[in-house]
Amino acid sequence: MNFQQQQNVIKNPQSNILPKVKGPEMNDRDRCNDILATEKYMTDNFNVFLREASNQQLYNEIKQILNESHDCARDLFNTMFQEGWYKLTPASQQEIQQTQQQFANYLETQNPY
C-alpha cells in the first residue's frame, strides 16, 4: 500500500482521473461518495429490520443481503482510499484511552448483568 501520512492525515495520493477544476457535473468521486452513502443508509436500515424480523426465512434472506451490502461498502471504501478520495485521521494514544474509558464506564453503569 502506498499511502502517505502528513499532518495527521492518512491518505493515498489522488489519482489523475478527476479534473483539476470541479464543475457542476458528477465525476467518479462524486458517484462513489453517493453510492457509499447509499450503502451506509441501506445497512443501517437492514440492521433495524433484522432486529425486528419475526419471520425466520425473511430474516435469513435480509441477513444475506445485509452482508453483501457491507461487503460492497467495504470494497467501495477500499477503492476510494486507493484513489486518494478518502482520508483518515489517526487517533492519538490519549484519544484512544479516553474513548476506551468512556465505553468502560458506560458498560459499568448500563450493563444489566
N, C-alpha and C. Protein backbone atom coordinates (compact mmCIF):
# COMPACT_ATOMS: atom_id res chain seq x y z
N MET A 1 0.85 -1.18 0.00
CA MET A 1 0.00 0.00 0.00
C MET A 1 0.90 1.23 0.00
N ASN A 2 0.54 2.19 -0.80
CA ASN A 2 1.37 3.37 -1.00
C ASN A 2 0.69 4.60 -0.39
N PHE A 3 0.41 4.57 0.91
CA PHE A 3 -0.27 5.72 1.49
C PHE A 3 0.70 6.64 2.19
N GLN A 4 0.27 7.90 2.34
CA GLN A 4 1.08 8.93 2.97
C GLN A 4 0.45 9.30 4.31
N GLN A 5 1.29 9.73 5.24
CA GLN A 5 0.77 10.28 6.49
C GLN A 5 1.39 11.65 6.66
N GLN A 6 0.58 12.68 6.41
CA GLN A 6 1.04 14.06 6.53
C GLN A 6 0.07 14.82 7.41
N GLN A 7 0.58 15.60 8.30
CA GLN A 7 -0.23 16.48 9.13
C GLN A 7 -1.42 15.73 9.73
N ASN A 8 -1.16 14.57 10.32
CA ASN A 8 -2.19 13.76 10.96
C ASN A 8 -3.30 13.33 10.02
N VAL A 9 -2.98 13.10 8.75
CA VAL A 9 -3.96 12.58 7.79
C VAL A 9 -3.33 11.40 7.08
N ILE A 10 -4.06 10.29 7.02
CA ILE A 10 -3.60 9.12 6.30
C ILE A 10 -4.37 9.07 5.00
N LYS A 11 -3.65 9.08 3.88
CA LYS A 11 -4.33 9.06 2.58
C LYS A 11 -3.35 8.61 1.51
N ASN A 12 -3.91 8.21 0.39
CA ASN A 12 -3.13 7.92 -0.80
C ASN A 12 -3.11 9.17 -1.66
N PRO A 13 -2.13 9.30 -2.54
CA PRO A 13 -2.16 10.43 -3.47
C PRO A 13 -3.38 10.30 -4.38
N GLN A 14 -4.00 11.42 -4.72
CA GLN A 14 -5.17 11.37 -5.60
C GLN A 14 -4.77 10.92 -6.99
N SER A 15 -5.65 10.12 -7.58
CA SER A 15 -5.40 9.67 -8.95
C SER A 15 -5.62 10.83 -9.92
N ASN A 16 -5.21 10.65 -11.13
CA ASN A 16 -5.36 11.69 -12.15
C ASN A 16 -6.69 11.59 -12.89
N ILE A 17 -7.62 10.82 -12.37
CA ILE A 17 -8.91 10.62 -13.02
C ILE A 17 -9.75 11.89 -12.95
N LEU A 18 -9.65 12.62 -11.85
CA LEU A 18 -10.50 13.79 -11.64
C LEU A 18 -9.94 15.02 -12.33
N PRO A 19 -10.84 15.91 -12.79
CA PRO A 19 -10.36 17.16 -13.38
C PRO A 19 -9.78 18.07 -12.30
N LYS A 20 -8.92 19.00 -12.70
CA LYS A 20 -8.31 19.93 -11.75
C LYS A 20 -9.34 20.89 -11.16
N VAL A 21 -10.33 21.29 -11.96
CA VAL A 21 -11.37 22.20 -11.50
C VAL A 21 -12.69 21.44 -11.50
N LYS A 22 -13.37 21.45 -10.36
CA LYS A 22 -14.64 20.73 -10.23
C LYS A 22 -15.76 21.56 -10.82
N GLY A 23 -16.49 20.98 -11.76
CA GLY A 23 -17.66 21.63 -12.33
C GLY A 23 -18.93 21.11 -11.68
N PRO A 24 -20.10 21.48 -12.20
CA PRO A 24 -21.36 21.06 -11.61
C PRO A 24 -21.72 19.60 -11.90
N GLU A 25 -21.06 18.99 -12.88
CA GLU A 25 -21.38 17.61 -13.23
C GLU A 25 -20.76 16.64 -12.23
N MET A 26 -21.38 15.47 -12.11
CA MET A 26 -20.84 14.44 -11.22
C MET A 26 -19.65 13.76 -11.87
N ASN A 27 -18.62 13.53 -11.07
CA ASN A 27 -17.46 12.77 -11.56
C ASN A 27 -17.42 11.43 -10.81
N ASP A 28 -16.39 10.64 -11.05
CA ASP A 28 -16.29 9.32 -10.43
C ASP A 28 -16.27 9.40 -8.91
N ARG A 29 -15.57 10.38 -8.37
CA ARG A 29 -15.51 10.54 -6.92
C ARG A 29 -16.89 10.86 -6.36
N ASP A 30 -17.63 11.74 -7.01
CA ASP A 30 -18.99 12.07 -6.57
C ASP A 30 -19.88 10.84 -6.59
N ARG A 31 -19.78 10.06 -7.66
CA ARG A 31 -20.60 8.85 -7.77
C ARG A 31 -20.25 7.86 -6.66
N CYS A 32 -18.97 7.68 -6.41
CA CYS A 32 -18.54 6.76 -5.33
C CYS A 32 -19.04 7.24 -3.98
N ASN A 33 -18.93 8.54 -3.71
CA ASN A 33 -19.45 9.09 -2.45
C ASN A 33 -20.95 8.85 -2.32
N ASP A 34 -21.67 9.04 -3.41
CA ASP A 34 -23.12 8.85 -3.40
C ASP A 34 -23.47 7.38 -3.15
N ILE A 35 -22.78 6.48 -3.82
CA ILE A 35 -23.04 5.05 -3.64
C ILE A 35 -22.67 4.61 -2.23
N LEU A 36 -21.54 5.09 -1.70
CA LEU A 36 -21.13 4.72 -0.34
C LEU A 36 -22.15 5.23 0.68
N ALA A 37 -22.63 6.44 0.51
CA ALA A 37 -23.66 6.97 1.42
C ALA A 37 -24.92 6.12 1.35
N THR A 38 -25.29 5.70 0.16
CA THR A 38 -26.47 4.84 -0.01
C THR A 38 -26.26 3.50 0.67
N GLU A 39 -25.09 2.90 0.50
CA GLU A 39 -24.80 1.62 1.15
C GLU A 39 -24.86 1.74 2.67
N LYS A 40 -24.32 2.83 3.21
CA LYS A 40 -24.38 3.05 4.66
C LYS A 40 -25.83 3.16 5.13
N TYR A 41 -26.63 3.90 4.39
CA TYR A 41 -28.05 4.06 4.72
C TYR A 41 -28.76 2.71 4.68
N MET A 42 -28.48 1.93 3.64
CA MET A 42 -29.14 0.63 3.50
C MET A 42 -28.74 -0.32 4.62
N THR A 43 -27.44 -0.38 4.96
CA THR A 43 -27.02 -1.30 6.02
C THR A 43 -27.61 -0.89 7.36
N ASP A 44 -27.72 0.40 7.62
CA ASP A 44 -28.36 0.86 8.86
C ASP A 44 -29.80 0.35 8.93
N ASN A 45 -30.53 0.48 7.84
CA ASN A 45 -31.93 0.07 7.83
C ASN A 45 -32.09 -1.45 7.82
N PHE A 46 -31.20 -2.17 7.15
CA PHE A 46 -31.25 -3.63 7.20
C PHE A 46 -30.99 -4.12 8.63
N ASN A 47 -30.09 -3.46 9.35
CA ASN A 47 -29.84 -3.84 10.75
C ASN A 47 -31.09 -3.68 11.60
N VAL A 48 -31.80 -2.58 11.42
CA VAL A 48 -33.05 -2.37 12.16
C VAL A 48 -34.05 -3.46 11.79
N PHE A 49 -34.16 -3.74 10.50
CA PHE A 49 -35.09 -4.77 10.04
C PHE A 49 -34.78 -6.11 10.70
N LEU A 50 -33.51 -6.48 10.73
CA LEU A 50 -33.13 -7.78 11.29
C LEU A 50 -33.46 -7.89 12.77
N ARG A 51 -33.27 -6.81 13.51
CA ARG A 51 -33.59 -6.84 14.94
C ARG A 51 -35.08 -7.06 15.17
N GLU A 52 -35.90 -6.65 14.22
CA GLU A 52 -37.35 -6.68 14.42
C GLU A 52 -38.06 -7.73 13.57
N ALA A 53 -37.33 -8.52 12.78
CA ALA A 53 -37.96 -9.51 11.91
C ALA A 53 -38.50 -10.68 12.73
N SER A 54 -39.74 -11.06 12.43
CA SER A 54 -40.34 -12.19 13.15
C SER A 54 -40.34 -13.46 12.30
N ASN A 55 -40.17 -13.35 11.00
CA ASN A 55 -40.17 -14.50 10.11
C ASN A 55 -38.73 -14.94 9.86
N GLN A 56 -38.41 -16.18 10.22
CA GLN A 56 -37.04 -16.67 10.14
C GLN A 56 -36.51 -16.70 8.70
N GLN A 57 -37.33 -17.12 7.75
CA GLN A 57 -36.88 -17.18 6.36
C GLN A 57 -36.56 -15.78 5.84
N LEU A 58 -37.42 -14.83 6.13
CA LEU A 58 -37.17 -13.45 5.71
C LEU A 58 -35.93 -12.89 6.41
N TYR A 59 -35.79 -13.21 7.70
CA TYR A 59 -34.60 -12.80 8.45
C TYR A 59 -33.33 -13.29 7.76
N ASN A 60 -33.32 -14.58 7.38
CA ASN A 60 -32.13 -15.15 6.74
C ASN A 60 -31.83 -14.48 5.40
N GLU A 61 -32.87 -14.20 4.62
CA GLU A 61 -32.69 -13.55 3.32
C GLU A 61 -32.10 -12.14 3.49
N ILE A 62 -32.68 -11.37 4.40
CA ILE A 62 -32.21 -10.00 4.60
C ILE A 62 -30.81 -9.99 5.22
N LYS A 63 -30.52 -10.96 6.06
CA LYS A 63 -29.18 -11.05 6.65
C LYS A 63 -28.13 -11.27 5.56
N GLN A 64 -28.44 -12.10 4.58
CA GLN A 64 -27.52 -12.32 3.47
C GLN A 64 -27.35 -11.03 2.66
N ILE A 65 -28.45 -10.34 2.41
CA ILE A 65 -28.38 -9.07 1.68
C ILE A 65 -27.57 -8.05 2.47
N LEU A 66 -27.76 -8.01 3.80
CA LEU A 66 -27.00 -7.10 4.66
C LEU A 66 -25.50 -7.37 4.54
N ASN A 67 -25.12 -8.63 4.60
CA ASN A 67 -23.70 -8.98 4.49
C ASN A 67 -23.14 -8.57 3.14
N GLU A 68 -23.91 -8.77 2.08
CA GLU A 68 -23.46 -8.36 0.74
C GLU A 68 -23.32 -6.84 0.67
N SER A 69 -24.24 -6.14 1.31
CA SER A 69 -24.19 -4.67 1.31
C SER A 69 -22.97 -4.17 2.09
N HIS A 70 -22.67 -4.82 3.22
CA HIS A 70 -21.45 -4.47 3.98
C HIS A 70 -20.21 -4.71 3.13
N ASP A 71 -20.17 -5.84 2.44
CA ASP A 71 -19.02 -6.15 1.58
C ASP A 71 -18.87 -5.11 0.47
N CYS A 72 -19.99 -4.72 -0.13
CA CYS A 72 -19.97 -3.72 -1.20
C CYS A 72 -19.43 -2.39 -0.66
N ALA A 73 -19.91 -1.98 0.51
CA ALA A 73 -19.45 -0.72 1.11
C ALA A 73 -17.95 -0.79 1.42
N ARG A 74 -17.49 -1.92 1.91
CA ARG A 74 -16.06 -2.08 2.22
C ARG A 74 -15.22 -2.01 0.95
N ASP A 75 -15.67 -2.70 -0.10
CA ASP A 75 -14.94 -2.65 -1.38
C ASP A 75 -14.90 -1.23 -1.92
N LEU A 76 -16.01 -0.53 -1.81
CA LEU A 76 -16.07 0.84 -2.30
C LEU A 76 -15.14 1.75 -1.49
N PHE A 77 -15.15 1.59 -0.16
CA PHE A 77 -14.24 2.35 0.69
C PHE A 77 -12.79 2.09 0.28
N ASN A 78 -12.43 0.82 0.09
CA ASN A 78 -11.06 0.49 -0.30
C ASN A 78 -10.68 1.13 -1.63
N THR A 79 -11.60 1.12 -2.58
CA THR A 79 -11.34 1.76 -3.87
C THR A 79 -11.14 3.26 -3.70
N MET A 80 -12.01 3.89 -2.92
CA MET A 80 -11.91 5.34 -2.70
C MET A 80 -10.61 5.69 -1.99
N PHE A 81 -10.23 4.89 -1.00
CA PHE A 81 -8.98 5.13 -0.28
C PHE A 81 -7.79 4.97 -1.23
N GLN A 82 -7.83 3.93 -2.05
CA GLN A 82 -6.75 3.68 -3.00
C GLN A 82 -6.61 4.83 -4.00
N GLU A 83 -7.72 5.42 -4.40
CA GLU A 83 -7.69 6.53 -5.36
C GLU A 83 -7.34 7.87 -4.70
N GLY A 84 -7.24 7.88 -3.36
CA GLY A 84 -6.93 9.12 -2.65
C GLY A 84 -8.15 9.97 -2.40
N TRP A 85 -9.34 9.38 -2.49
CA TRP A 85 -10.60 10.12 -2.32
C TRP A 85 -11.16 10.00 -0.92
N TYR A 86 -10.51 9.25 -0.04
CA TYR A 86 -11.00 9.06 1.33
C TYR A 86 -9.81 9.20 2.25
N LYS A 87 -9.90 10.10 3.21
CA LYS A 87 -8.80 10.36 4.13
C LYS A 87 -9.17 9.85 5.52
N LEU A 88 -8.18 9.46 6.26
CA LEU A 88 -8.35 9.03 7.64
C LEU A 88 -7.50 9.91 8.54
N THR A 89 -7.99 10.18 9.73
CA THR A 89 -7.23 10.94 10.71
C THR A 89 -6.89 9.99 11.86
N PRO A 90 -5.61 9.75 12.11
CA PRO A 90 -5.25 8.83 13.19
C PRO A 90 -5.58 9.43 14.56
N ALA A 91 -5.99 8.56 15.46
CA ALA A 91 -6.28 8.99 16.82
C ALA A 91 -4.99 8.94 17.64
N SER A 92 -4.84 9.90 18.53
CA SER A 92 -3.69 9.89 19.43
C SER A 92 -3.92 8.82 20.50
N GLN A 93 -2.86 8.44 21.17
CA GLN A 93 -2.97 7.45 22.25
C GLN A 93 -3.92 7.96 23.33
N GLN A 94 -3.88 9.25 23.61
CA GLN A 94 -4.76 9.83 24.62
C GLN A 94 -6.23 9.72 24.20
N GLU A 95 -6.53 9.99 22.93
CA GLU A 95 -7.91 9.87 22.44
C GLU A 95 -8.40 8.43 22.51
N ILE A 96 -7.53 7.49 22.20
CA ILE A 96 -7.89 6.08 22.27
C ILE A 96 -8.21 5.69 23.71
N GLN A 97 -7.36 6.12 24.65
CA GLN A 97 -7.58 5.79 26.06
C GLN A 97 -8.85 6.45 26.59
N GLN A 98 -9.12 7.69 26.19
CA GLN A 98 -10.34 8.37 26.63
C GLN A 98 -11.59 7.65 26.12
N THR A 99 -11.56 7.23 24.87
CA THR A 99 -12.70 6.53 24.29
C THR A 99 -12.89 5.17 24.97
N GLN A 100 -11.79 4.48 25.21
CA GLN A 100 -11.87 3.19 25.89
C GLN A 100 -12.45 3.36 27.29
N GLN A 101 -12.02 4.38 28.00
CA GLN A 101 -12.53 4.64 29.35
C GLN A 101 -14.01 5.02 29.31
N GLN A 102 -14.39 5.80 28.32
CA GLN A 102 -15.79 6.20 28.17
C GLN A 102 -16.68 4.97 28.02
N PHE A 103 -16.29 4.02 27.17
CA PHE A 103 -17.10 2.83 26.97
C PHE A 103 -17.04 1.89 28.16
N ALA A 104 -15.89 1.83 28.83
CA ALA A 104 -15.79 1.01 30.03
C ALA A 104 -16.73 1.54 31.11
N ASN A 105 -16.75 2.87 31.28
CA ASN A 105 -17.66 3.48 32.25
C ASN A 105 -19.11 3.24 31.87
N TYR A 106 -19.41 3.33 30.59
CA TYR A 106 -20.77 3.09 30.12
C TYR A 106 -21.20 1.66 30.45
N LEU A 107 -20.32 0.70 30.19
CA LEU A 107 -20.66 -0.69 30.46
C LEU A 107 -20.88 -0.93 31.95
N GLU A 108 -20.08 -0.29 32.79
CA GLU A 108 -20.23 -0.46 34.24
C GLU A 108 -21.57 0.07 34.73
N THR A 109 -22.04 1.17 34.14
CA THR A 109 -23.28 1.77 34.62
C THR A 109 -24.52 1.25 33.90
N GLN A 110 -24.37 0.70 32.70
CA GLN A 110 -25.54 0.30 31.91
C GLN A 110 -25.72 -1.21 31.77
N ASN A 111 -24.71 -1.98 32.07
CA ASN A 111 -24.79 -3.42 31.88
C ASN A 111 -25.74 -4.03 32.92
N PRO A 112 -26.80 -4.71 32.47
CA PRO A 112 -27.77 -5.26 33.43
C PRO A 112 -27.29 -6.54 34.11
N TYR A 113 -26.14 -7.08 33.73
CA TYR A 113 -25.69 -8.36 34.29
C TYR A 113 -24.65 -8.19 35.35
